[in-house]
Protein backbone atom coordinates (compact mmCIF):
# COMPACT_ATOMS: atom_id res chain seq x y z
CA MET A 1 -12.75 -6.67 -11.36
CA LEU A 2 -10.11 -3.98 -11.87
CA THR A 3 -7.14 -3.95 -9.52
CA VAL A 4 -4.36 -1.36 -9.67
CA ILE A 5 -1.27 -1.80 -7.50
CA ARG A 6 2.29 -0.53 -7.21
CA PRO A 7 4.76 -3.20 -6.03
CA LEU A 8 7.14 -2.21 -3.24
CA ALA A 9 10.50 -2.13 -5.00
CA ASN A 10 12.58 -1.93 -1.82
CA ALA A 11 10.69 -4.73 -0.07
CA GLU A 12 13.86 -6.38 1.22
CA ALA A 13 14.86 -3.23 3.13
CA VAL A 14 11.37 -3.07 4.62
CA ALA A 15 11.54 -6.82 5.36
CA ASP A 16 14.77 -6.28 7.31
CA TRP A 17 12.91 -3.71 9.41
CA ALA A 18 9.91 -6.05 9.83
CA ARG A 19 12.10 -8.93 10.99
CA SER A 20 13.90 -6.66 13.46
CA ALA A 21 10.45 -5.66 14.80
CA GLY A 22 9.60 -9.33 15.39
CA PHE A 23 7.55 -10.14 12.28
CA ASP A 24 8.59 -13.59 11.04
CA ASP A 25 5.67 -14.73 8.88
CA ILE A 26 6.13 -12.22 6.07
CA VAL A 27 6.12 -12.41 2.26
CA PRO A 28 8.01 -9.35 0.96
CA ALA A 29 7.70 -10.48 -2.66
CA ASN A 30 3.94 -9.76 -2.41
CA TRP A 31 4.17 -6.33 -0.79
CA HIS A 32 2.48 -3.47 -2.64
CA VAL A 33 0.14 -0.53 -2.23
CA THR A 34 -3.34 -0.94 -3.70
CA ILE A 35 -4.56 2.12 -5.58
CA ALA A 36 -7.86 0.72 -6.83
CA LYS A 37 -9.75 -2.54 -6.42
CA THR A 38 -13.28 -2.56 -7.71
CA HIS A 39 -15.98 -4.71 -9.26
CA ASP A 40 -17.59 -1.59 -10.73
CA THR A 41 -17.23 -0.60 -14.37
CA VAL A 42 -14.42 1.92 -14.70
CA ASP A 43 -14.03 4.25 -17.67
CA VAL A 44 -10.28 3.91 -18.16
CA ALA A 45 -10.30 5.73 -21.51
CA ASN A 46 -8.80 8.84 -19.92
CA LEU A 47 -6.48 6.96 -17.57
CA THR A 48 -3.08 5.70 -18.60
CA LEU A 49 -0.81 3.27 -16.82
CA ASP A 50 1.77 5.11 -14.72
CA ALA A 51 5.00 3.17 -15.20
CA SER A 52 7.19 5.61 -13.29
CA VAL A 53 8.89 4.80 -10.00
CA LEU A 54 7.31 6.56 -7.02
CA VAL A 55 9.31 7.38 -3.90
CA VAL A 56 7.39 8.09 -0.71
CA PRO A 57 9.91 9.96 1.46
CA ALA A 58 10.56 8.91 5.04
CA SER A 59 8.13 10.52 7.45
CA PRO A 60 7.56 10.53 11.21
CA ARG A 61 3.80 10.33 10.48
CA ARG A 62 3.89 6.63 9.55
CA LEU A 63 2.39 4.04 11.83
CA VAL A 64 2.04 0.31 12.24
CA ALA A 65 -1.65 -0.50 12.72
CA ARG A 66 -4.27 -3.21 12.57
CA MET A 67 -6.55 -3.01 9.56
CA GLY A 68 -9.27 -5.65 9.16
CA GLY A 69 -7.27 -8.79 9.95
CA ILE A 70 -3.85 -7.54 8.88
CA ILE A 71 -0.99 -5.55 10.33
CA ALA A 72 -0.03 -2.73 8.00
CA LEU A 73 2.56 -0.03 7.60
CA ARG A 74 0.41 3.03 7.01
CA PHE A 75 1.77 6.16 5.37
CA ARG A 76 0.62 9.32 3.65
CA SER A 77 1.19 10.00 -0.02
CA VAL A 78 -0.46 12.78 -1.99
CA PRO A 79 0.40 11.17 -5.36
CA ILE A 80 -1.11 7.82 -4.33
CA ALA A 81 -4.23 9.45 -2.84
CA THR A 82 -4.63 11.59 -5.97
CA ARG A 83 -4.30 8.55 -8.19
CA HIS A 84 -6.90 6.69 -6.13
CA ARG A 85 -9.24 9.68 -6.52
CA GLU A 86 -8.74 9.60 -10.33
CA PHE A 87 -9.95 6.00 -10.41
CA ARG A 88 -12.91 6.85 -8.17
CA ILE A 89 -13.89 9.70 -10.50
CA ALA A 90 -13.69 7.22 -13.40
CA GLY A 91 -16.22 4.98 -11.63
CA ALA A 92 -14.21 2.73 -9.32
CA GLY A 93 -15.87 1.78 -6.07
CA TRP A 94 -14.01 1.22 -2.81
CA GLU A 95 -15.25 -1.28 -0.25
CA HIS A 96 -13.69 0.49 2.72
CA ARG A 97 -14.81 3.66 4.49
CA ASP A 98 -11.63 5.58 3.73
CA PHE A 99 -8.64 5.20 1.46
CA ARG A 100 -5.56 4.69 3.63
CA PRO A 101 -2.35 3.99 1.74
CA HIS A 102 -0.55 1.07 3.35
CA VAL A 103 1.60 -1.98 2.80
CA THR A 104 0.32 -5.17 4.42
CA ILE A 105 3.15 -6.55 6.55
CA ALA A 106 1.55 -9.62 8.14
CA VAL A 107 -1.66 -11.34 9.10
CA ASP A 108 -2.88 -9.94 12.41
CA ASP A 109 -1.64 -12.31 15.11
CA ARG A 110 -2.92 -10.01 17.90
CA ARG A 111 0.59 -9.07 18.99
CA GLU A 112 1.15 -5.88 20.96
CA LEU A 113 1.95 -3.05 18.55
CA ASP A 114 2.81 -0.39 21.12
CA GLY A 115 6.48 0.32 20.76
CA VAL A 116 6.78 -0.96 17.18
CA VAL A 117 8.65 1.85 15.46
CA PRO A 118 7.56 2.19 11.81
CA PHE A 119 10.01 1.73 8.94
CA ALA A 120 12.05 4.93 8.81
CA GLY A 121 13.37 4.92 5.24
CA ASP A 122 11.92 5.88 1.89
CA LEU A 123 9.27 3.59 0.41
CA VAL A 124 10.06 2.95 -3.25
CA PHE A 125 7.21 1.72 -5.45
CA SER A 126 7.52 0.37 -8.98
CA GLY A 127 5.18 1.39 -11.75
CA GLU A 128 1.51 0.50 -11.71
CA ILE A 129 0.23 -2.95 -12.55
CA TRP A 130 -3.36 -3.16 -13.76
CA SER A 131 -5.29 -6.43 -13.80
CA GLN A 132 -8.87 -7.07 -14.84
């Protein structure tokens, strides 16, 4: 299995927001965005590890949403979506219907999410980590 992630470098700032929004059972050290996760054979010959820092600017289009048993901070990012597409072109599968960049905040405890204001600052991601 190939997994490609970018760790959230400013996880403590996001954790401060999460705690202020009432999320207590969080693990900021594990927060990341997944770019690719596949059991398929991927031709990585033309792909190179992107070690650069990626900043996703603050946006009013973010939302806090349920996603298959988790509560996530969803956001849009053309560079992350483009990178995901590069892995798909190279043969990576994706077990979900759509690719939706997000950071998993907590396990879904069925709390009311109406009124939870998404994190308003920049999201700063470290360079890619590939594992096979």
